[in-house]
C-alpha atoms as a PDB file:
ATOM      1  CA  UNK A   1      -0.033  -0.150   0.122  1.00  0.00           C
ATOM      2  CA  UNK A   2       1.365   3.191  -1.041  1.00  0.00           C
ATOM      3  CA  UNK A   3       1.404   5.948   1.724  1.00  0.00           C
ATOM      4  CA  UNK A   4       0.317   9.630   1.123  1.00  0.00           C
ATOM      5  CA  UNK A   5       4.116  10.600   1.515  1.00  0.00           C
ATOM      6  CA  UNK A   6       5.264   8.232  -0.857  1.00  0.00           C
ATOM      7  CA  UNK A   7       2.787   9.537  -3.547  1.00  0.00           C
ATOM      8  CA  UNK A   8       3.739  13.121  -2.671  1.00  0.00           C
ATOM      9  CA  UNK A   9       7.626  12.292  -3.008  1.00  0.00           C
ATOM     10  CA  UNK A  10       7.045  10.461  -6.440  1.00  0.00           C
ATOM     11  CA  UNK A  11       4.987  13.228  -7.881  1.00  0.00           C
ATOM     12  CA  UNK A  12       7.387  15.678  -6.859  1.00  0.00           C
ATOM     13  CA  UNK A  13      10.228  13.681  -8.313  1.00  0.00           C
ATOM     14  CA  UNK A  14       8.295  13.148 -11.539  1.00  0.00           C
ATOM     15  CA  UNK A  15       7.998  17.232 -11.588  1.00  0.00           C
ATOM     16  CA  UNK A  16      11.618  17.519 -10.614  1.00  0.00           C
ATOM     17  CA  UNK A  17      10.772  19.521  -7.622  1.00  0.00           C
ATOM     18  CA  UNK A  18      13.589  19.891  -5.338  1.00  0.00           C
ATOM     19  CA  UNK A  19      11.326  19.492  -2.199  1.00  0.00           C
ATOM     20  CA  UNK A  20      11.392  15.509  -3.318  1.00  0.00           C
ATOM     21  CA  UNK A  21      15.318  15.156  -2.089  1.00  0.00           C
ATOM     22  CA  UNK A  22      14.039  17.034   1.185  1.00  0.00           C
ATOM     23  CA  UNK A  23      11.324  14.659   1.725  1.00  0.00           C
ATOM     24  CA  UNK A  24      13.391  11.584   0.668  1.00  0.00           C
ATOM     25  CA  UNK A  25      16.235  12.498   2.889  1.00  0.00           C
ATOM     26  CA  UNK A  26      13.826  13.021   6.087  1.00  0.00           C
ATOM     27  CA  UNK A  27      12.049   9.797   5.455  1.00  0.00           C
ATOM     28  CA  UNK A  28      14.525   7.480   3.931  1.00  0.00           C
ATOM     29  CA  UNK A  29      18.180   8.659   4.665  1.00  0.00           C
ATOM     30  CA  UNK A  30      18.514   6.489   7.917  1.00  0.00           C
ATOM     31  CA  UNK A  31      17.151   3.337   6.454  1.00  0.00           C
ATOM     32  CA  UNK A  32      19.544   3.836   3.434  1.00  0.00           C
ATOM     33  CA  UNK A  33      22.468   4.348   5.457  1.00  0.00           C
ATOM     34  CA  UNK A  34      21.585   1.242   7.225  1.00  0.00           C
ATOM     35  CA  UNK A  35      21.687  -0.619   3.903  1.00  0.00           C
ATOM     36  CA  UNK A  36      24.948   1.025   3.021  1.00  0.00           C
ATOM     37  CA  UNK A  37      26.706   0.254   6.208  1.00  0.00           C
ATOM     38  CA  UNK A  38      26.030  -3.465   5.834  1.00  0.00           C
ATOM     39  CA  UNK A  39      28.154  -3.205   2.802  1.00  0.00           C
ATOM     40  CA  UNK A  40      30.743  -0.610   4.130  1.00  0.00           C
ATOM     41  CA  UNK A  41      31.807  -0.353   7.751  1.00  0.00           C
ATOM     42  CA  UNK A  42      33.821   2.956   7.407  1.00  0.00           C
ATOM     43  CA  UNK A  43      31.492   5.812   8.676  1.00  0.00           C
ATOM     44  CA  UNK A  44      32.876   8.566   6.569  1.00  0.00           C
ATOM     45  CA  UNK A  45      32.839   6.456   3.321  1.00  0.00           C
ATOM     46  CA  UNK A  46      29.332   5.328   4.098  1.00  0.00           C
ATOM     47  CA  UNK A  47      28.189   8.887   4.320  1.00  0.00           C
ATOM     48  CA  UNK A  48      29.861   9.727   1.027  1.00  0.00           C
ATOM     49  CA  UNK A  49      28.060   6.616  -0.575  1.00  0.00           C
ATOM     50  CA  UNK A  50      24.768   7.825   1.132  1.00  0.00           C
ATOM     51  CA  UNK A  51      25.163  11.406  -0.739  1.00  0.00           C
ATOM     52  CA  UNK A  52      26.102   9.878  -3.951  1.00  0.00           C
ATOM     53  CA  UNK A  53      22.998   7.677  -3.601  1.00  0.00           C
ATOM     54  CA  UNK A  54      20.896  10.834  -3.365  1.00  0.00           C
ATOM     55  CA  UNK A  55      22.578  12.478  -6.352  1.00  0.00           C
ATOM     56  CA  UNK A  56      21.844   9.326  -8.471  1.00  0.00           C
ATOM     57  CA  UNK A  57      18.074   9.172  -7.037  1.00  0.00           C
ATOM     58  CA  UNK A  58      17.790  12.774  -8.183  1.00  0.00           C
ATOM     59  CA  UNK A  59      19.514  12.137 -11.552  1.00  0.00           C
ATOM     60  CA  UNK A  60      17.341   9.125 -12.261  1.00  0.00           C
ATOM     61  CA  UNK A  61      14.024  10.416 -10.526  1.00  0.00           C
ATOM     62  CA  UNK A  62      12.142  10.554 -13.841  1.00  0.00           C
ATOM     63  CA  UNK A  63      12.927   6.757 -14.674  1.00  0.00           C
ATOM     64  CA  UNK A  64      11.261   5.732 -11.486  1.00  0.00           C
ATOM     65  CA  UNK A  65       8.318   3.497 -12.369  1.00  0.00           C
ATOM     66  CA  UNK A  66       5.746   2.667  -9.516  1.00  0.00           C
ATOM     67  CA  UNK A  67       4.467  -0.100 -11.465  1.00  0.00           C
ATOM     68  CA  UNK A  68       7.719  -1.959 -11.480  1.00  0.00           C
ATOM     69  CA  UNK A  69       8.985  -1.530  -7.721  1.00  0.00           C
ATOM     70  CA  UNK A  70       7.744   0.248  -4.744  1.00  0.00           C
ATOM     71  CA  UNK A  71       9.618   3.851  -3.824  1.00  0.00           C
ATOM     72  CA  UNK A  72      11.623   2.335  -1.031  1.00  0.00           C
ATOM     73  CA  UNK A  73      12.724  -0.868  -2.948  1.00  0.00           C
ATOM     74  CA  UNK A  74      14.068   1.249  -5.693  1.00  0.00           C
ATOM     75  CA  UNK A  75      15.996   3.739  -3.448  1.00  0.00           C
ATOM     76  CA  UNK A  76      17.294   0.312  -1.770  1.00  0.00           C
ATOM     77  CA  UNK A  77      18.742  -0.805  -4.864  1.00  0.00           C
ATOM     78  CA  UNK A  78      20.279   2.571  -5.690  1.00  0.00           C
ATOM     79  CA  UNK A  79      21.946   2.771  -2.282  1.00  0.00           C
ATOM     80  CA  UNK A  80      22.931  -0.783  -2.297  1.00  0.00           C
ATOM     81  CA  UNK A  81      24.595  -0.720  -5.817  1.00  0.00           C
ATOM     82  CA  UNK A  82      26.153   2.448  -5.115  1.00  0.00           C
ATOM     83  CA  UNK A  83      27.934   1.009  -2.014  1.00  0.00           C
ATOM     84  CA  UNK A  84      28.870  -2.295  -3.905  1.00  0.00           C
ATOM     85  CA  UNK A  85      30.547  -0.038  -6.761  1.00  0.00           C
ATOM     86  CA  UNK A  86      32.462   1.899  -3.888  1.00  0.00           C
ATOM     87  CA  UNK A  87      33.659  -1.384  -2.592  1.00  0.00           C
ATOM     88  CA  UNK A  88      34.805  -2.504  -5.965  1.00  0.00           C
ATOM     89  CA  UNK A  89      36.317   0.797  -6.881  1.00  0.00           C
ATOM     90  CA  UNK A  90      38.339   0.814  -3.607  1.00  0.00           C
ATOM     91  CA  UNK A  91      39.593  -2.697  -4.219  1.00  0.00           C
ATOM     92  CA  UNK A  92      40.524  -1.972  -7.947  1.00  0.00           C
ATOM     93  CA  UNK A  93      42.215   1.200  -6.876  1.00  0.00           C
ATOM     94  CA  UNK A  94      44.172  -0.799  -3.934  1.00  0.00           C
ATOM     95  CA  UNK A  95      45.204  -3.656  -6.712  1.00  0.00           C
ATOM     96  CA  UNK A  96      46.546  -0.933  -8.983  1.00  0.00           C
ATOM     97  CA  UNK A  97      48.590   0.878  -6.268  1.00  0.00           C
ATOM     98  CA  UNK A  98      52.338   0.192  -6.271  1.00  0.00           C
ATOM     99  CA  UNK A  99      53.072  -1.465  -2.787  1.00  0.00           C
ATOM    100  CA  UNK A 100      56.181  -0.031  -1.656  1.00  0.00           C
ATOM    101  CA  UNK A 101      56.716  -2.441   1.088  1.00  0.00           C
ATOM    102  CA  UNK A 102      56.768  -5.249  -1.341  1.00  0.00           C
ATOM    103  CA  UNK A 103      58.651  -3.484  -4.018  1.00  0.00           C
ATOM    104  CA  UNK A 104      62.414  -4.234  -4.651  1.00  0.00           C
ATOM    105  CA  UNK A 105      62.898  -0.916  -6.281  1.00  0.00           C
ATOM    106  CA  UNK A 106      64.350   0.757  -3.135  1.00  0.00           C
ATOM    107  CA  UNK A 107      66.291  -2.321  -2.363  1.00  0.00           C
ATOM    108  CA  UNK A 108      68.706  -2.449  -5.254  1.00  0.00           C
ATOM    109  CA  UNK A 109      72.195  -1.548  -4.451  1.00  0.00           C
ATOM    110  CA  UNK A 110      74.410   0.035  -7.117  1.00  0.00           C
ATOM    111  CA  UNK A 111      76.677  -3.148  -6.977  1.00  0.00           C
ATOM    112  CA  UNK A 112      73.568  -5.023  -8.594  1.00  0.00           C
ATOM    113  CA  UNK A 113      73.132  -2.514 -11.549  1.00  0.00           C
ATOM    114  CA  UNK A 114      74.852  -3.188 -14.733  1.00  0.00           C
ATOM    115  CA  UNK A 115      77.091  -0.080 -14.872  1.00  0.00           C
ATOM    116  CA  UNK A 116      77.368  -0.517 -18.765  1.00  0.00           C
ATOM    117  CA  UNK A 117      73.594  -0.273 -19.285  1.00  0.00           C
ATOM    118  CA  UNK A 118      73.526   3.109 -17.460  1.00  0.00           C
ATOM    119  CA  UNK A 119      74.956   5.113 -20.312  1.00  0.00           C
ATOM    120  CA  UNK A 120      72.533   4.157 -23.172  1.00  0.00           C
ATOM    121  CA  UNK A 121      73.088   7.382 -24.977  1.00  0.00           C
ATOM    122  CA  UNK A 122      76.668   6.363 -25.536  1.00  0.00           C
ATOM    123  CA  UNK A 123      75.828   3.174 -26.809  1.00  0.00           C
ATOM    124  CA  UNK A 124      73.043   4.130 -29.079  1.00  0.00           C
ATOM    125  CA  UNK A 125      75.450   5.878 -31.383  1.00  0.00           C
ATOM    126  CA  UNK A 126      76.889   2.435 -32.209  1.00  0.00           C
ATOM    127  CA  UNK A 127      73.588   1.331 -34.091  1.00  0.00           C
ATOM    128  CA  UNK A 128      72.430   2.315 -37.402  1.00  0.00           C
ATOM    129  CA  UNK A 129      70.963   6.047 -37.520  1.00  0.00           C
ATOM    130  CA  UNK A 130      67.279   5.277 -38.445  1.00  0.00           C
ATOM    131  CA  UNK A 131      67.223   3.062 -35.296  1.00  0.00           C
ATOM    132  CA  UNK A 132      68.738   6.036 -33.125  1.00  0.00           C
ATOM    133  CA  UNK A 133      66.233   8.401 -34.465  1.00  0.00           C
ATOM    134  CA  UNK A 134      63.233   6.255 -33.273  1.00  0.00           C
ATOM    135  CA  UNK A 135      64.857   5.339 -29.840  1.00  0.00           C
ATOM    136  CA  UNK A 136      65.642   8.778 -29.188  1.00  0.00           C
ATOM    137  CA  UNK A 137      62.261  10.125 -29.874  1.00  0.00           C
ATOM    138  CA  UNK A 138      60.596   7.518 -27.889  1.00  0.00           C
ATOM    139  CA  UNK A 139      62.813   7.073 -24.772  1.00  0.00           C
ATOM    140  CA  UNK A 140      64.669  10.496 -24.434  1.00  0.00           C
ATOM    141  CA  UNK A 141      62.210  12.855 -25.848  1.00  0.00           C
ATOM    142  CA  UNK A 142      59.283  10.959 -24.325  1.00  0.00           C
ATOM    143  CA  UNK A 143      56.933  10.624 -27.609  1.00  0.00           C
ATOM    144  CA  UNK A 144      54.392   7.997 -27.913  1.00  0.00           C
ATOM    145  CA  UNK A 145      55.068   5.666 -31.123  1.00  0.00           C
ATOM    146  CA  UNK A 146      51.980   7.563 -32.493  1.00  0.00           C
ATOM    147  CA  UNK A 147      53.542  11.043 -31.904  1.00  0.00           C
ATOM    148  CA  UNK A 148      57.101   9.737 -33.158  1.00  0.00           C
ATOM    149  CA  UNK A 149      55.382   8.669 -36.173  1.00  0.00           C
ATOM    150  CA  UNK A 150      53.829  12.015 -37.095  1.00  0.00           C
ATOM    151  CA  UNK A 151      56.700  14.092 -35.804  1.00  0.00           C
ATOM    152  CA  UNK A 152      59.287  12.345 -37.809  1.00  0.00           C
ATOM    153  CA  UNK A 153      56.891  11.573 -40.897  1.00  0.00           C
ATOM    154  CA  UNK A 154      57.558   8.021 -40.650  1.00  0.00           C
ATOM    155  CA  UNK A 155      54.674   5.213 -40.576  1.00  0.00           C
ATOM    156  CA  UNK A 156      53.577   3.811 -37.285  1.00  0.00           C
ATOM    157  CA  UNK A 157      54.369   0.408 -38.418  1.00  0.00           C
ATOM    158  CA  UNK A 158      57.870   1.496 -39.351  1.00  0.00           C
ATOM    159  CA  UNK A 159      58.237   3.248 -35.890  1.00  0.00           C
ATOM    160  CA  UNK A 160      57.494  -0.102 -34.215  1.00  0.00           C
ATOM    161  CA  UNK A 161      59.629  -2.148 -36.437  1.00  0.00           C
ATOM    162  CA  UNK A 162      62.519   0.175 -36.090  1.00  0.00           C
ATOM    163  CA  UNK A 163      62.234   0.422 -32.304  1.00  0.00           C
ATOM    164  CA  UNK A 164      62.164  -3.661 -32.202  1.00  0.00           C
ATOM    165  CA  UNK A 165      65.123  -3.915 -34.358  1.00  0.00           C
ATOM    166  CA  UNK A 166      66.996  -1.082 -32.568  1.00  0.00           C
ATOM    167  CA  UNK A 167      66.253  -2.621 -29.265  1.00  0.00           C
ATOM    168  CA  UNK A 168      67.581  -5.962 -30.414  1.00  0.00           C
ATOM    169  CA  UNK A 169      70.760  -4.254 -31.815  1.00  0.00           C
ATOM    170  CA  UNK A 170      71.305  -2.584 -28.315  1.00  0.00           C
ATOM    171  CA  UNK A 171      70.833  -5.915 -26.641  1.00  0.00           C
ATOM    172  CA  UNK A 172      73.640  -7.333 -28.438  1.00  0.00           C
ATOM    173  CA  UNK A 173      75.959  -4.447 -27.242  1.00  0.00           C
ATOM    174  CA  UNK A 174      74.767  -4.858 -23.584  1.00  0.00           C
ATOM    175  CA  UNK A 175      74.460  -8.781 -23.542  1.00  0.00           C
ATOM    176  CA  UNK A 176      76.943 -10.044 -26.179  1.00  0.00           C
ATOM    177  CA  UNK A 177      76.779 -14.002 -26.476  1.00  0.00           C
END
């Protein structure tokens, strides 16, 4: 059974009346916060998700269809899905961050570095000029392959080939076998 307040909120939402958000917040914020807290334990993050949920509710208000779901069910789904999205987003971000504690970058001593490799520019002069130009553009000038192709007026496929061959030639200098 739809209550009078629900009818009023739905009507205001359909009309794009901002009073709807105030009524939604007054009547549903605590319940939606409870839904979010079941997924996210951190209070600050849960508050952020609640805020994001209300923004989504407002943005999608005209799409609400009372024949498909009760108002609270629709609100619940938005809040719950927002919480799940936040958890996934946080997990993805954490997975992509460099974990300095587990990284060996800072543990390498100068004795472990091949000192011959550190002077790439010096050895670059040994290989054919067409490979030098490409490697210089990509590694020392910081261009992408596409940018190097445009800047040097060389087809992208040729840039890729010259890079591959140039690196192979440099490898012969650094790792003669």
